[in-house]
Amino acid sequence: MALSAEQLSRDLVIPDLVSALQAAWNHERASCAVRWCRGPRIVPIADNYYRLGYDPPMSLGQSATPGTSTRSACCAITTAIVPSALRHLAAERHRPVDVLLARPGISYRRDAIDWQNTGTPQQLDRWRISKRELAGPDLDEMIVRAA
């Protein structure tokens, strides 16, 4: 079924989420930089679990995440690339005052695959990092824009 001209016009003016957040967070004194984090699909187990504050499954061989070796695994969640992205951001010579880390990608799981679940869901992680204090209203704004 083809879209009507009216529906197409309405759909084409919807801003993508990352652009909308960046525009909302740009203001007179500072601007929000966007860093796209398109990292590898296989990450160190430490980035998949420990550095995110998660305990790994009891036996990685039987985990919900497909492992590739004793030291690496497929990304269980797109957040698994964030430790690496933060290391790169910290190494930048001129770090922005306000930055949005945007991590689109696929995560790999051994979930039950049925009409509601897939073993390889697409996800978009968004991490806002700022030199100014961020509070509840900042998080609320990000949630409202994502809805």
N, C-alpha and C. Protein backbone atom coordinates (compact mmCIF):
# COMPACT_ATOMS: atom_id res chain seq x y z
N MET A 1 0.84 -1.17 0.00
CA MET A 1 0.00 0.00 0.00
C MET A 1 0.89 1.24 0.00
N ALA A 2 0.66 2.14 -0.90
CA ALA A 2 1.43 3.37 -1.02
C ALA A 2 0.95 4.39 0.01
N LEU A 3 1.89 5.21 0.48
CA LEU A 3 1.53 6.28 1.40
C LEU A 3 0.83 7.39 0.64
N SER A 4 -0.10 8.02 1.31
CA SER A 4 -0.73 9.20 0.70
C SER A 4 0.28 10.34 0.74
N ALA A 5 0.09 11.33 -0.11
CA ALA A 5 0.99 12.49 -0.14
C ALA A 5 1.00 13.19 1.23
N GLU A 6 -0.16 13.24 1.87
CA GLU A 6 -0.26 13.87 3.19
C GLU A 6 0.56 13.09 4.23
N GLN A 7 0.43 11.76 4.23
CA GLN A 7 1.18 10.93 5.19
C GLN A 7 2.68 11.02 4.94
N LEU A 8 3.07 11.00 3.66
CA LEU A 8 4.48 11.10 3.32
C LEU A 8 5.06 12.43 3.80
N SER A 9 4.35 13.51 3.56
CA SER A 9 4.80 14.84 4.01
C SER A 9 4.95 14.87 5.52
N ARG A 10 3.98 14.31 6.22
CA ARG A 10 4.02 14.28 7.69
C ARG A 10 5.21 13.46 8.18
N ASP A 11 5.46 12.30 7.54
CA ASP A 11 6.54 11.42 7.97
C ASP A 11 7.92 12.01 7.69
N LEU A 12 8.07 12.71 6.58
CA LEU A 12 9.38 13.24 6.20
C LEU A 12 9.85 14.40 7.06
N VAL A 13 8.96 15.05 7.80
CA VAL A 13 9.39 16.16 8.65
C VAL A 13 9.71 15.73 10.08
N ILE A 14 9.51 14.45 10.39
CA ILE A 14 9.85 13.96 11.73
C ILE A 14 11.37 13.92 11.84
N PRO A 15 11.95 14.65 12.81
CA PRO A 15 13.42 14.62 12.94
C PRO A 15 13.87 13.30 13.56
N ASP A 16 15.07 12.87 13.19
CA ASP A 16 15.57 11.67 13.85
C ASP A 16 15.91 12.04 15.30
N LEU A 17 15.90 11.04 16.17
CA LEU A 17 16.06 11.26 17.60
C LEU A 17 17.37 11.95 17.95
N VAL A 18 18.48 11.51 17.38
CA VAL A 18 19.77 12.10 17.72
C VAL A 18 19.83 13.56 17.31
N SER A 19 19.35 13.90 16.11
CA SER A 19 19.33 15.30 15.67
C SER A 19 18.42 16.14 16.56
N ALA A 20 17.29 15.59 16.96
CA ALA A 20 16.36 16.32 17.83
C ALA A 20 16.99 16.60 19.19
N LEU A 21 17.68 15.61 19.76
CA LEU A 21 18.34 15.82 21.05
C LEU A 21 19.45 16.85 20.92
N GLN A 22 20.26 16.74 19.88
CA GLN A 22 21.34 17.70 19.69
C GLN A 22 20.79 19.11 19.55
N ALA A 23 19.74 19.29 18.77
CA ALA A 23 19.14 20.61 18.60
C ALA A 23 18.59 21.15 19.92
N ALA A 24 17.97 20.29 20.70
CA ALA A 24 17.41 20.72 21.99
C ALA A 24 18.49 21.12 22.97
N TRP A 25 19.63 20.47 22.89
CA TRP A 25 20.70 20.73 23.87
C TRP A 25 21.68 21.80 23.43
N ASN A 26 21.56 22.30 22.22
CA ASN A 26 22.39 23.43 21.79
C ASN A 26 21.76 24.70 22.33
N HIS A 27 22.56 25.52 22.97
CA HIS A 27 22.06 26.78 23.49
C HIS A 27 23.16 27.82 23.37
N GLU A 28 22.89 29.02 23.82
CA GLU A 28 23.79 30.16 23.61
C GLU A 28 25.22 29.93 24.11
N ARG A 29 25.38 29.35 25.27
CA ARG A 29 26.71 29.25 25.87
C ARG A 29 27.47 27.98 25.51
N ALA A 30 26.80 26.99 25.04
CA ALA A 30 27.48 25.73 24.72
C ALA A 30 26.69 24.99 23.65
N SER A 31 27.33 24.05 23.07
CA SER A 31 26.64 23.21 22.09
C SER A 31 26.91 21.76 22.42
N CYS A 32 26.00 20.95 22.03
CA CYS A 32 26.11 19.52 22.28
C CYS A 32 26.71 18.85 21.04
N ALA A 33 27.86 18.24 21.23
CA ALA A 33 28.50 17.50 20.14
C ALA A 33 27.93 16.08 20.11
N VAL A 34 27.91 15.49 18.95
CA VAL A 34 27.46 14.10 18.82
C VAL A 34 28.65 13.26 18.40
N ARG A 35 28.85 12.17 19.09
CA ARG A 35 29.88 11.20 18.72
C ARG A 35 29.16 9.89 18.41
N TRP A 36 29.21 9.49 17.15
CA TRP A 36 28.63 8.21 16.76
C TRP A 36 29.60 7.11 17.12
N CYS A 37 29.15 6.14 17.86
CA CYS A 37 29.99 5.04 18.34
C CYS A 37 29.60 3.76 17.60
N ARG A 38 30.20 3.56 16.48
CA ARG A 38 29.92 2.35 15.69
C ARG A 38 31.10 1.41 15.88
N GLY A 39 31.12 0.76 16.99
CA GLY A 39 32.24 -0.09 17.32
C GLY A 39 32.09 -1.49 16.80
N PRO A 40 33.01 -2.34 17.19
CA PRO A 40 32.98 -3.73 16.72
C PRO A 40 31.81 -4.49 17.33
N ARG A 41 31.42 -5.57 16.68
CA ARG A 41 30.33 -6.40 17.20
C ARG A 41 30.85 -7.42 18.21
N ILE A 42 32.16 -7.60 18.25
CA ILE A 42 32.78 -8.48 19.23
C ILE A 42 33.61 -7.60 20.14
N VAL A 43 33.38 -7.71 21.45
CA VAL A 43 34.04 -6.83 22.42
C VAL A 43 34.67 -7.67 23.53
N PRO A 44 35.61 -7.08 24.27
CA PRO A 44 36.16 -7.80 25.41
C PRO A 44 35.05 -8.12 26.42
N ILE A 45 35.15 -9.26 27.05
CA ILE A 45 34.15 -9.64 28.06
C ILE A 45 34.09 -8.58 29.16
N ALA A 46 35.22 -7.98 29.49
CA ALA A 46 35.23 -6.93 30.51
C ALA A 46 34.32 -5.77 30.12
N ASP A 47 34.29 -5.38 28.83
CA ASP A 47 33.41 -4.29 28.38
C ASP A 47 31.96 -4.73 28.34
N ASN A 48 31.72 -6.02 28.09
CA ASN A 48 30.36 -6.55 28.02
C ASN A 48 29.72 -6.64 29.41
N TYR A 49 30.54 -6.83 30.43
CA TYR A 49 29.99 -7.06 31.77
C TYR A 49 30.65 -6.20 32.84
N TYR A 50 31.88 -6.50 33.23
CA TYR A 50 32.53 -5.89 34.39
C TYR A 50 32.55 -4.37 34.36
N ARG A 51 32.98 -3.78 33.24
CA ARG A 51 33.10 -2.32 33.17
C ARG A 51 31.75 -1.61 33.14
N LEU A 52 30.69 -2.37 32.94
CA LEU A 52 29.34 -1.81 32.99
C LEU A 52 28.67 -2.08 34.33
N GLY A 53 29.39 -2.76 35.22
CA GLY A 53 28.84 -3.05 36.54
C GLY A 53 27.98 -4.29 36.60
N TYR A 54 28.02 -5.12 35.55
CA TYR A 54 27.24 -6.35 35.53
C TYR A 54 28.15 -7.53 35.88
N ASP A 55 27.59 -8.48 36.59
CA ASP A 55 28.29 -9.74 36.80
C ASP A 55 28.04 -10.60 35.57
N PRO A 56 29.09 -11.23 35.04
CA PRO A 56 28.86 -12.09 33.89
C PRO A 56 28.08 -13.32 34.30
N PRO A 57 27.44 -13.97 33.35
CA PRO A 57 26.74 -15.21 33.68
C PRO A 57 27.70 -16.21 34.32
N MET A 58 27.16 -17.12 35.11
CA MET A 58 27.98 -18.09 35.83
C MET A 58 28.95 -18.80 34.90
N SER A 59 28.48 -19.23 33.78
CA SER A 59 29.32 -19.92 32.82
C SER A 59 29.15 -19.25 31.47
N LEU A 60 30.18 -18.56 31.02
CA LEU A 60 30.04 -17.85 29.74
C LEU A 60 29.72 -18.80 28.60
N GLY A 61 30.11 -20.06 28.71
CA GLY A 61 29.79 -21.04 27.68
C GLY A 61 28.30 -21.31 27.59
N GLN A 62 27.58 -21.09 28.68
CA GLN A 62 26.13 -21.31 28.71
C GLN A 62 25.38 -19.99 28.86
N SER A 63 26.06 -18.90 28.58
CA SER A 63 25.46 -17.60 28.82
C SER A 63 24.39 -17.25 27.79
N ALA A 64 23.75 -16.14 28.04
CA ALA A 64 22.77 -15.62 27.09
C ALA A 64 23.46 -14.87 25.96
N THR A 65 24.78 -14.71 26.06
CA THR A 65 25.56 -14.00 25.05
C THR A 65 26.50 -14.96 24.35
N PRO A 66 26.46 -15.02 23.03
CA PRO A 66 27.40 -15.90 22.34
C PRO A 66 28.84 -15.45 22.54
N GLY A 67 29.67 -16.31 23.09
CA GLY A 67 31.08 -16.00 23.28
C GLY A 67 31.88 -16.40 22.06
N THR A 68 33.02 -15.75 21.89
CA THR A 68 33.89 -16.10 20.78
C THR A 68 35.20 -16.68 21.28
N SER A 69 35.53 -16.39 22.54
CA SER A 69 36.74 -16.93 23.16
C SER A 69 36.60 -16.73 24.66
N THR A 70 37.65 -17.02 25.40
CA THR A 70 37.59 -16.81 26.85
C THR A 70 37.72 -15.33 27.20
N ARG A 71 38.10 -14.49 26.22
CA ARG A 71 38.31 -13.06 26.51
C ARG A 71 37.37 -12.14 25.75
N SER A 72 36.60 -12.66 24.81
CA SER A 72 35.71 -11.79 24.04
C SER A 72 34.37 -12.47 23.79
N ALA A 73 33.39 -11.62 23.47
CA ALA A 73 32.04 -12.12 23.19
C ALA A 73 31.34 -11.14 22.27
N CYS A 74 30.29 -11.60 21.63
CA CYS A 74 29.45 -10.70 20.86
C CYS A 74 28.80 -9.71 21.82
N CYS A 75 28.54 -8.50 21.36
CA CYS A 75 27.91 -7.49 22.21
C CYS A 75 26.58 -8.02 22.75
N ALA A 76 26.46 -8.10 24.06
CA ALA A 76 25.21 -8.53 24.67
C ALA A 76 24.18 -7.40 24.62
N ILE A 77 24.69 -6.18 24.72
CA ILE A 77 23.86 -4.97 24.64
C ILE A 77 24.71 -3.93 23.93
N THR A 78 24.07 -2.98 23.27
CA THR A 78 24.86 -1.98 22.56
C THR A 78 25.71 -1.16 23.52
N THR A 79 25.35 -1.11 24.79
CA THR A 79 26.12 -0.39 25.79
C THR A 79 27.53 -0.95 25.94
N ALA A 80 27.75 -2.18 25.50
CA ALA A 80 29.07 -2.80 25.65
C ALA A 80 30.17 -2.02 24.93
N ILE A 81 29.82 -1.15 23.99
CA ILE A 81 30.82 -0.35 23.29
C ILE A 81 31.13 0.94 24.04
N VAL A 82 30.32 1.30 25.05
CA VAL A 82 30.48 2.56 25.76
C VAL A 82 31.82 2.66 26.50
N PRO A 83 32.31 1.63 27.20
CA PRO A 83 33.63 1.79 27.84
C PRO A 83 34.71 2.22 26.85
N SER A 84 34.72 1.63 25.66
CA SER A 84 35.69 2.00 24.64
C SER A 84 35.44 3.44 24.17
N ALA A 85 34.18 3.81 23.96
CA ALA A 85 33.84 5.18 23.52
C ALA A 85 34.27 6.21 24.56
N LEU A 86 34.11 5.89 25.84
CA LEU A 86 34.53 6.81 26.90
C LEU A 86 36.05 6.95 26.92
N ARG A 87 36.76 5.85 26.68
CA ARG A 87 38.23 5.94 26.62
C ARG A 87 38.66 6.84 25.47
N HIS A 88 38.00 6.72 24.32
CA HIS A 88 38.33 7.58 23.17
C HIS A 88 38.01 9.04 23.47
N LEU A 89 36.86 9.28 24.10
CA LEU A 89 36.47 10.64 24.45
C LEU A 89 37.48 11.25 25.42
N ALA A 90 37.90 10.49 26.42
CA ALA A 90 38.88 10.98 27.39
C ALA A 90 40.22 11.31 26.74
N ALA A 91 40.54 10.62 25.65
CA ALA A 91 41.82 10.85 24.98
C ALA A 91 41.78 12.04 24.02
N GLU A 92 40.60 12.58 23.74
CA GLU A 92 40.51 13.72 22.82
C GLU A 92 41.21 14.92 23.44
N ARG A 93 41.95 15.59 22.62
CA ARG A 93 42.70 16.75 23.10
C ARG A 93 41.78 17.90 23.50
N HIS A 94 40.76 18.15 22.70
CA HIS A 94 39.80 19.23 22.98
C HIS A 94 38.42 18.60 23.16
N ARG A 95 38.16 18.16 24.38
CA ARG A 95 36.88 17.51 24.66
C ARG A 95 35.75 18.53 24.69
N PRO A 96 34.59 18.16 24.15
CA PRO A 96 33.45 19.07 24.20
C PRO A 96 32.91 19.21 25.62
N VAL A 97 32.23 20.32 25.86
CA VAL A 97 31.61 20.57 27.17
C VAL A 97 30.42 19.66 27.37
N ASP A 98 29.71 19.41 26.31
CA ASP A 98 28.49 18.61 26.34
C ASP A 98 28.53 17.68 25.13
N VAL A 99 28.35 16.39 25.35
CA VAL A 99 28.43 15.44 24.24
C VAL A 99 27.36 14.37 24.38
N LEU A 100 26.84 13.96 23.25
CA LEU A 100 25.89 12.85 23.19
C LEU A 100 26.59 11.70 22.49
N LEU A 101 26.79 10.60 23.21
CA LEU A 101 27.32 9.38 22.60
C LEU A 101 26.11 8.61 22.06
N ALA A 102 26.10 8.38 20.77
CA ALA A 102 25.00 7.66 20.15
C ALA A 102 25.55 6.33 19.62
N ARG A 103 25.00 5.24 20.13
CA ARG A 103 25.50 3.91 19.76
C ARG A 103 24.39 3.08 19.15
N PRO A 104 24.24 3.13 17.82
CA PRO A 104 23.29 2.24 17.18
C PRO A 104 23.96 0.90 16.94
N GLY A 105 23.19 -0.14 16.89
CA GLY A 105 23.80 -1.42 16.56
C GLY A 105 22.93 -2.61 16.89
N ILE A 106 23.51 -3.75 16.66
CA ILE A 106 22.86 -5.03 16.91
C ILE A 106 23.45 -5.61 18.18
N SER A 107 22.62 -6.23 18.97
CA SER A 107 23.14 -6.99 20.11
C SER A 107 22.80 -8.46 19.87
N TYR A 108 23.57 -9.31 20.51
CA TYR A 108 23.45 -10.75 20.26
C TYR A 108 23.07 -11.45 21.55
N ARG A 109 22.02 -12.23 21.48
CA ARG A 109 21.54 -12.94 22.65
C ARG A 109 21.10 -14.33 22.27
N ARG A 110 21.05 -15.15 23.26
CA ARG A 110 20.51 -16.50 23.05
C ARG A 110 19.11 -16.58 23.65
N ASP A 111 18.37 -15.50 23.52
CA ASP A 111 16.99 -15.46 24.02
C ASP A 111 16.12 -16.43 23.24
N ALA A 112 15.00 -16.74 23.85
CA ALA A 112 14.00 -17.53 23.13
C ALA A 112 13.48 -16.65 21.99
N ILE A 113 13.47 -17.20 20.80
CA ILE A 113 13.00 -16.44 19.65
C ILE A 113 11.55 -16.82 19.39
N ASP A 114 10.69 -15.81 19.49
CA ASP A 114 9.27 -16.01 19.25
C ASP A 114 8.72 -14.74 18.62
N TRP A 115 7.41 -14.58 18.61
CA TRP A 115 6.81 -13.43 17.95
C TRP A 115 7.15 -12.10 18.62
N GLN A 116 7.66 -12.13 19.85
CA GLN A 116 8.02 -10.90 20.56
C GLN A 116 9.52 -10.70 20.70
N ASN A 117 10.33 -11.70 20.47
CA ASN A 117 11.76 -11.62 20.73
C ASN A 117 12.58 -12.10 19.54
N THR A 118 13.75 -11.52 19.42
CA THR A 118 14.71 -11.95 18.43
C THR A 118 16.06 -12.10 19.11
N GLY A 119 16.90 -12.93 18.57
CA GLY A 119 18.23 -13.11 19.14
C GLY A 119 19.19 -12.00 18.75
N THR A 120 18.78 -11.13 17.82
CA THR A 120 19.65 -10.04 17.37
C THR A 120 18.85 -8.74 17.24
N PRO A 121 18.43 -8.16 18.38
CA PRO A 121 17.66 -6.92 18.28
C PRO A 121 18.53 -5.72 17.91
N GLN A 122 17.95 -4.79 17.17
CA GLN A 122 18.59 -3.51 16.88
C GLN A 122 18.34 -2.59 18.08
N GLN A 123 19.34 -1.85 18.48
CA GLN A 123 19.19 -0.95 19.62
C GLN A 123 19.86 0.38 19.33
N LEU A 124 19.50 1.40 20.11
CA LEU A 124 20.18 2.69 20.06
C LEU A 124 20.40 3.13 21.50
N ASP A 125 21.65 3.12 21.92
CA ASP A 125 22.01 3.65 23.23
C ASP A 125 22.32 5.13 23.07
N ARG A 126 21.92 5.92 24.04
CA ARG A 126 22.24 7.35 24.06
C ARG A 126 22.81 7.67 25.43
N TRP A 127 24.01 8.24 25.44
CA TRP A 127 24.66 8.64 26.68
C TRP A 127 25.01 10.11 26.57
N ARG A 128 24.51 10.90 27.49
CA ARG A 128 24.85 12.33 27.50
C ARG A 128 25.89 12.56 28.59
N ILE A 129 26.96 13.20 28.20
CA ILE A 129 28.05 13.49 29.12
C ILE A 129 28.29 14.99 29.07
N SER A 130 28.30 15.61 30.24
CA SER A 130 28.43 17.06 30.28
C SER A 130 29.32 17.48 31.43
N LYS A 131 29.98 18.61 31.25
CA LYS A 131 30.79 19.17 32.34
C LYS A 131 29.91 19.92 33.33
N ARG A 132 28.67 20.17 32.94
CA ARG A 132 27.73 20.78 33.89
C ARG A 132 26.92 19.67 34.55
N GLU A 133 26.38 19.95 35.70
CA GLU A 133 25.60 18.94 36.41
C GLU A 133 24.29 18.68 35.67
N LEU A 134 24.00 17.42 35.43
CA LEU A 134 22.74 17.02 34.81
C LEU A 134 21.83 16.48 35.90
N ALA A 135 20.55 16.77 35.78
CA ALA A 135 19.59 16.37 36.82
C ALA A 135 18.39 15.68 36.18
N GLY A 136 17.42 15.37 37.00
CA GLY A 136 16.21 14.67 36.57
C GLY A 136 15.54 15.27 35.35
N PRO A 137 15.36 16.60 35.28
CA PRO A 137 14.71 17.18 34.11
C PRO A 137 15.46 16.90 32.80
N ASP A 138 16.80 16.79 32.87
CA ASP A 138 17.57 16.47 31.67
C ASP A 138 17.23 15.07 31.17
N LEU A 139 17.14 14.12 32.09
CA LEU A 139 16.78 12.75 31.72
C LEU A 139 15.33 12.70 31.23
N ASP A 140 14.44 13.42 31.91
CA ASP A 140 13.04 13.45 31.49
C ASP A 140 12.92 13.96 30.06
N GLU A 141 13.68 15.01 29.71
CA GLU A 141 13.63 15.57 28.36
C GLU A 141 14.07 14.52 27.33
N MET A 142 15.12 13.77 27.64
CA MET A 142 15.61 12.76 26.71
C MET A 142 14.56 11.66 26.53
N ILE A 143 13.90 11.27 27.60
CA ILE A 143 12.87 10.23 27.52
C ILE A 143 11.68 10.71 26.71
N VAL A 144 11.23 11.94 26.96
CA VAL A 144 10.07 12.48 26.24
C VAL A 144 10.36 12.57 24.75
N ARG A 145 11.57 12.99 24.37
CA ARG A 145 11.91 13.12 22.95
C ARG A 145 12.02 11.75 22.28
N ALA A 146 12.34 10.72 23.05
CA ALA A 146 12.47 9.39 22.49
C ALA A 146 11.11 8.71 22.30
N ALA A 147 10.10 9.22 22.97
CA ALA A 147 8.78 8.58 22.91
C ALA A 147 8.05 8.90 21.63
